Amino acid sequence: MNEKEKVLTHLDIPYSYELAKRMEAYRCNPELGYRSAGSKAEFLTGEMLKKEMEEIGLSRVTKDEITVDGWEFRKAVLYVLDENGKKREIRLGAYQTNCVTDGAEEYPLVYVGKGTELDYKDIDVKNKLVLVDINQRDEWWINFPVYQAHLKGAKALIAVQQGGYGEIDEDALNAQDIAGPADAPAFSISRRDAQWLKEQLDNQQSRELWVTLEADSRVMPECKTYNITGQIQGKHKDRLIVLSAHYDSYFDGFQDDNTAVAMMFGIAKALIDARIQPDNTILICAMAAEEWGVIDSDFDWSTGAYEQVFTAHPEWVGKVIADLNFELPALAHGAGARIRSCYEYQPFLEQFLEDLPVLTRAYPEDASVVSPIETWSDDFSMAIAGIPSMVNDFTGGSFMETHYHSQFDNDDFYDEAVYRLHHELFTLLILALDETAVVPLDFTPVLERILAGGSEITAKVEETQEQIAAITKKLIQVTEEAQEKAKQSYEETAAINTRYYALLAEGNMQEAEQLFAENREREKQLLVKFKQEQDHFVRIDWYGEVFFPHEILWKNIGLLQDSVNALEQSDVDKALEKIYQVDNNAYAFMFDEYVYRHFTDYVFNQPKDRLKWGYGRLLGHEDLYHVVKCLLKKRKEADTDYREELHYLKECYKKQTRRLCETLKEISQTVKEMF
């Protein structure tokens, strides 16, 4: 039995499951759960995990103190008398906002549809509770209707998910990051209870229903919390492989993320129990404050991971060859297991999957690799810091729409075979990474993505866009030359790692160590290049999707050109359809100007420590609010004089074109300097 087989035999899946269940004991809200950033429940969970690290044999167990905005949600209940005078108790979920009542307080409750600007027409909601329908997946995030209600003077907003999330059951509550100010209170309600409230309003033939609210939801600015770390020290103690998962949660958080934390501990325990000393130090990190951790920021999640690598341990950059982050690993997300990776690790991972032995069969299809890293989990914060990262992909199945962030995230949907497979898969991946002498980063997939964006521009560029065409041609030339160099570099790295593995297998440790020592500078330069790529090429759109900068700009140029063409043909509907897709201008259609501006300006006019991983990732903003409002008004009035709107859109088009030209030149220069 070789070392890999030995470790696999020591995997104890019941141990991992039991640890995941133990984490449920700590809760802010006695009935609903929640272990939120900076709360007592999060602190106690961290203390338990620290003790567990010590008991399973991890060394150098530490608590890394970080500063986040905290949240303690203890209670939120509505009491309502029905038409027969019988009291009904309605338990609410909550968002990260302040609302502490003096015992039970009475308020009128008003239903305002979707809570858009038009929904408030002729309705006074001052010091009232506002009930709204929301679909956060297909329409807009919770912060927009919440802040709209706040500006109208509402006491609090209560949201019911109508599709998008919490679809599993009529009694499902939902929780998400608020991405808004703490002084605009918000709660969630189940579809069943919301429907009952609407029926009471109908029965009374009234816009208002008197209810009693008892709530205790407190946001705590700049409080302390802790990331918990422990390690299995390797022969090369300063070369690190990090395993990470977050221990804060909504509700009980069995899948998200108890099972991930527990799997991380289970893998570490198996390595220790099998008496394996790794070549490199394996560092286990239980992250706090992933779900939320900063007030009134569009980038208010993954706060704990961001603080870990940018504040607590910036020295990890250059030492960590990979972060393996774990999310929701105990149920299937699609037809096959997937590793979502930064582009640079993709070729290595594809080869790793090809060479896998037979593992637990939990999916109908084989495992695969997908890229890029997304913003939805802690691996993004790690990657942009300069640490090559990956995660078991968790967004492909229905769980996100059905159970995710609800009280139905429990072990009723636990899949032992999937959980075992993920234990096996990532244990073997850790051991494969441990057998490398040089971080196996291949930059050709990044260059391929740059070329794909350039090719799209070349295919669609018009004669009037001569400057764009010339600059894009130069970018393609430079990138194709860089591809050859990147390909050769990876082949050399792969050959070094193949030789290193063979020496280890032969037991020729002296020559293996010599080869390892000879390649420290090579690894250093590869990690520097990785960080450069993150700094120059990784950008996000206004919905958190990851793109390269020229892709975002080219999309906007096309949309603006289409909107101009449509208006010139007096097709205002088509023009509005295109404008809707430019940056965040969809919100100009539904919410008033103050709401629109607040959630636009706050991504540019806050310091880096409030914007965290989103700082500098957006490529500016095209403000089309007044264009939208004017076109909507003119459509209603059958006014076809679009001269002002056309002039403004053409100026935006020119601005985006200038930005694209500058960006294409910058990318070309960066590629040339890197390769």
Foldseek 3Di string as FASTA:
>chain_A
DDLLVQLLVLQDLVQLLVQLVVLLVQALEPVFRFDWFPDPSVQVSLVVVLVLCVVLPFPPKDWQKDWFKIKRWHFKWKWAQFPVRDIDIFGWAFEQAFDADPFKDKFKEFEQEAQFPVSCVPNQQAQHEYEYEDACQPANAQQLSLVSCVVSHHPAYEYEYPFNAAAADQQKWFYAHNLAARHRTYIYGGNVVVVVVVVRCVVVVHRIGMMIIHTGMDIGHTDMDTKIKTKQAALARQAEAEEEAESTAGGSCSLRPSSSLSLLSSSVSSCVVSVHHFNYMYMYIHFHFQRATFGNAPLGGLLRLLCVCVPRNVVCQLRYLEYEYEGRQFADQDQEKEKEWAQFCQVVVVVVQVPDDDDQDDGPDYYHYHDDDFSNGNQLSVQLSLHTYIYGDDPRHCCRRHPPRINNSDCVRGHSSRSSRVSSSVSVVVRLCSLALASQTFCLSVLVQLLVLLVVCCVPPDPVLVLSNVLSVLLNVLSVVLNVVSVVLNVVRVVLSVVLNVCVVVVVVVVSVVSSVVCSVVRSLVSVLSNLCSVQFWAAALVRGTGGVLNLLVLLLVLLVQLLVCLVVLNLVRNLVSCCPFGPCVSLQTHDPVSVCSSQCSQPPDDCSNHRSNNPRYDDGDDCNVVNVVSVVCVVVVNSPCVVSSVSSVVVSVVSSVVSSVSSVVSSVSSNVSD
